[in-house]
Amino acid sequence: MNLMNMPMPSKRSSSCDLKQLPDISMGNIVKTVSLFEQKRLRGFWPVYDERDGQRLLTVSWGLYM
């Protein structure tokens, strides 16, 4: 996990989905943030399970710093 190039978190757990994660196969580019440059960061990142080449959303995980 590259902590200097993390995808931006969503502000609410209800808006947390797989669209906020980069997808190399589709060329999806997302906004990123460095966890070392931010003094405070709150939000939710999606957690997924990859089976048969497809990503399935499992839970939304929040981080409060």
N, C-alpha and C. Protein backbone atom coordinates (compact mmCIF):
# COMPACT_ATOMS: atom_id res chain seq x y z
N MET A 1 0.84 -1.16 0.00
CA MET A 1 0.00 0.00 0.00
C MET A 1 0.90 1.23 0.00
N ASN A 2 0.70 2.08 -0.97
CA ASN A 2 1.48 3.29 -1.11
C ASN A 2 0.80 4.41 -0.32
N LEU A 3 1.34 4.76 0.84
CA LEU A 3 0.72 5.75 1.71
C LEU A 3 0.92 7.18 1.21
N MET A 4 1.81 7.38 0.25
CA MET A 4 2.03 8.70 -0.30
C MET A 4 1.12 8.97 -1.50
N ASN A 5 0.37 7.97 -1.92
CA ASN A 5 -0.49 8.10 -3.10
C ASN A 5 -1.79 7.34 -2.88
N MET A 6 -2.48 7.65 -1.78
CA MET A 6 -3.73 6.98 -1.43
C MET A 6 -4.90 7.65 -2.14
N PRO A 7 -5.92 6.88 -2.54
CA PRO A 7 -7.12 7.50 -3.10
C PRO A 7 -7.82 8.35 -2.03
N MET A 8 -8.45 9.44 -2.46
CA MET A 8 -9.18 10.29 -1.53
C MET A 8 -10.34 9.51 -0.91
N PRO A 9 -10.56 9.68 0.38
CA PRO A 9 -11.70 9.01 1.01
C PRO A 9 -13.01 9.73 0.70
N SER A 10 -14.11 9.01 0.82
CA SER A 10 -15.42 9.66 0.69
C SER A 10 -15.83 10.19 2.06
N LYS A 11 -16.67 11.22 2.06
CA LYS A 11 -17.05 11.85 3.32
C LYS A 11 -18.09 11.06 4.09
N ARG A 12 -18.90 10.30 3.38
CA ARG A 12 -19.96 9.51 4.03
C ARG A 12 -19.82 8.04 3.64
N SER A 13 -20.19 7.18 4.54
CA SER A 13 -20.11 5.75 4.23
C SER A 13 -21.09 5.36 3.14
N SER A 14 -22.20 6.08 3.03
CA SER A 14 -23.19 5.75 2.01
C SER A 14 -22.69 6.07 0.60
N SER A 15 -21.75 7.00 0.47
CA SER A 15 -21.22 7.35 -0.85
C SER A 15 -19.91 6.61 -1.16
N CYS A 16 -19.52 5.71 -0.30
CA CYS A 16 -18.29 4.94 -0.49
C CYS A 16 -18.57 3.78 -1.44
N ASP A 17 -17.85 3.75 -2.58
CA ASP A 17 -18.02 2.66 -3.53
C ASP A 17 -16.71 2.41 -4.26
N LEU A 18 -16.71 1.45 -5.15
CA LEU A 18 -15.50 1.05 -5.86
C LEU A 18 -15.03 2.07 -6.88
N LYS A 19 -15.85 3.06 -7.21
CA LYS A 19 -15.46 4.08 -8.19
C LYS A 19 -14.33 4.96 -7.69
N GLN A 20 -14.13 5.03 -6.37
CA GLN A 20 -13.08 5.88 -5.84
C GLN A 20 -11.72 5.20 -5.81
N LEU A 21 -11.64 3.94 -6.24
CA LEU A 21 -10.38 3.22 -6.32
C LEU A 21 -9.87 3.21 -7.76
N PRO A 22 -8.56 3.28 -7.95
CA PRO A 22 -8.02 3.22 -9.32
C PRO A 22 -8.21 1.82 -9.90
N ASP A 23 -8.48 1.77 -11.19
CA ASP A 23 -8.63 0.50 -11.90
C ASP A 23 -7.70 0.55 -13.10
N ILE A 24 -6.63 -0.21 -13.07
CA ILE A 24 -5.63 -0.17 -14.12
C ILE A 24 -6.17 -0.69 -15.44
N SER A 25 -7.01 -1.70 -15.40
CA SER A 25 -7.52 -2.28 -16.64
C SER A 25 -8.45 -1.32 -17.39
N MET A 26 -9.17 -0.48 -16.65
CA MET A 26 -10.09 0.46 -17.30
C MET A 26 -9.49 1.85 -17.42
N GLY A 27 -8.31 2.08 -16.85
CA GLY A 27 -7.68 3.38 -16.93
C GLY A 27 -8.34 4.43 -16.05
N ASN A 28 -8.98 4.00 -14.98
CA ASN A 28 -9.67 4.90 -14.08
C ASN A 28 -8.66 5.70 -13.25
N ILE A 29 -8.66 7.03 -13.39
CA ILE A 29 -7.76 7.89 -12.65
C ILE A 29 -8.56 8.58 -11.55
N VAL A 30 -8.06 8.53 -10.33
CA VAL A 30 -8.75 9.11 -9.19
C VAL A 30 -7.85 10.14 -8.49
N LYS A 31 -8.46 11.01 -7.71
CA LYS A 31 -7.70 11.96 -6.92
C LYS A 31 -6.99 11.22 -5.79
N THR A 32 -5.76 11.65 -5.49
CA THR A 32 -4.99 10.99 -4.45
C THR A 32 -4.55 11.99 -3.39
N VAL A 33 -4.12 11.46 -2.26
CA VAL A 33 -3.66 12.27 -1.14
C VAL A 33 -2.50 11.53 -0.46
N SER A 34 -1.56 12.29 0.08
CA SER A 34 -0.46 11.70 0.83
C SER A 34 -0.81 11.72 2.31
N LEU A 35 -0.73 10.57 2.97
CA LEU A 35 -1.04 10.51 4.39
C LEU A 35 0.03 11.18 5.24
N PHE A 36 1.20 11.45 4.66
CA PHE A 36 2.27 12.10 5.41
C PHE A 36 2.19 13.63 5.33
N GLU A 37 1.52 14.15 4.31
CA GLU A 37 1.41 15.60 4.16
C GLU A 37 0.16 16.17 4.82
N GLN A 38 -0.83 15.34 5.07
CA GLN A 38 -2.07 15.80 5.70
C GLN A 38 -1.93 15.81 7.21
N LYS A 39 -2.39 16.88 7.85
CA LYS A 39 -2.40 16.90 9.30
C LYS A 39 -3.61 16.15 9.84
N ARG A 40 -4.74 16.28 9.14
CA ARG A 40 -5.96 15.59 9.54
C ARG A 40 -6.61 14.99 8.30
N LEU A 41 -7.17 13.82 8.48
CA LEU A 41 -7.84 13.16 7.36
C LEU A 41 -8.93 12.28 7.92
N ARG A 42 -10.16 12.48 7.43
CA ARG A 42 -11.30 11.66 7.84
C ARG A 42 -12.01 11.17 6.60
N GLY A 43 -12.49 9.96 6.65
CA GLY A 43 -13.24 9.48 5.52
C GLY A 43 -13.35 7.97 5.48
N PHE A 44 -13.92 7.49 4.41
CA PHE A 44 -14.19 6.07 4.22
C PHE A 44 -13.58 5.58 2.92
N TRP A 45 -12.92 4.45 2.99
CA TRP A 45 -12.37 3.78 1.81
C TRP A 45 -13.07 2.44 1.65
N PRO A 46 -13.37 2.05 0.43
CA PRO A 46 -14.02 0.75 0.22
C PRO A 46 -13.01 -0.40 0.38
N VAL A 47 -13.51 -1.50 0.86
CA VAL A 47 -12.73 -2.74 0.97
C VAL A 47 -13.40 -3.74 0.04
N TYR A 48 -12.60 -4.37 -0.81
CA TYR A 48 -13.20 -5.26 -1.79
C TYR A 48 -12.54 -6.63 -1.75
N ASP A 49 -13.27 -7.59 -2.32
CA ASP A 49 -12.79 -8.96 -2.48
C ASP A 49 -12.77 -9.22 -3.99
N GLU A 50 -11.64 -9.70 -4.48
CA GLU A 50 -11.52 -9.93 -5.91
C GLU A 50 -11.62 -11.43 -6.18
N ARG A 51 -12.70 -11.79 -6.84
CA ARG A 51 -12.91 -13.20 -7.20
C ARG A 51 -13.22 -13.26 -8.68
N ASP A 52 -12.60 -14.19 -9.36
CA ASP A 52 -12.80 -14.39 -10.80
C ASP A 52 -12.55 -13.11 -11.60
N GLY A 53 -11.62 -12.29 -11.14
CA GLY A 53 -11.27 -11.08 -11.86
C GLY A 53 -12.22 -9.92 -11.67
N GLN A 54 -13.21 -10.06 -10.79
CA GLN A 54 -14.17 -8.99 -10.54
C GLN A 54 -14.05 -8.54 -9.09
N ARG A 55 -14.19 -7.23 -8.90
CA ARG A 55 -14.15 -6.68 -7.54
C ARG A 55 -15.57 -6.65 -6.97
N LEU A 56 -15.71 -7.14 -5.74
CA LEU A 56 -16.99 -7.10 -5.04
C LEU A 56 -16.80 -6.31 -3.75
N LEU A 57 -17.63 -5.29 -3.53
CA LEU A 57 -17.55 -4.46 -2.34
C LEU A 57 -17.95 -5.29 -1.13
N THR A 58 -17.09 -5.32 -0.11
CA THR A 58 -17.39 -6.09 1.09
C THR A 58 -17.84 -5.18 2.22
N VAL A 59 -17.02 -4.23 2.62
CA VAL A 59 -17.36 -3.29 3.69
C VAL A 59 -16.75 -1.94 3.38
N SER A 60 -17.24 -0.91 4.05
CA SER A 60 -16.62 0.40 3.99
C SER A 60 -15.88 0.61 5.29
N TRP A 61 -14.65 1.08 5.19
CA TRP A 61 -13.80 1.22 6.35
C TRP A 61 -13.45 2.67 6.56
N GLY A 62 -13.62 3.17 7.78
CA GLY A 62 -13.35 4.57 8.06
C GLY A 62 -12.04 4.75 8.78
N LEU A 63 -11.40 5.87 8.53
CA LEU A 63 -10.14 6.21 9.19
C LEU A 63 -10.25 7.62 9.70
N TYR A 64 -9.95 7.78 10.98
CA TYR A 64 -9.99 9.11 11.58
C TYR A 64 -8.63 9.40 12.15
N MET A 65 -8.00 10.41 11.61
CA MET A 65 -6.66 10.78 12.10
C MET A 65 -6.69 12.20 12.60
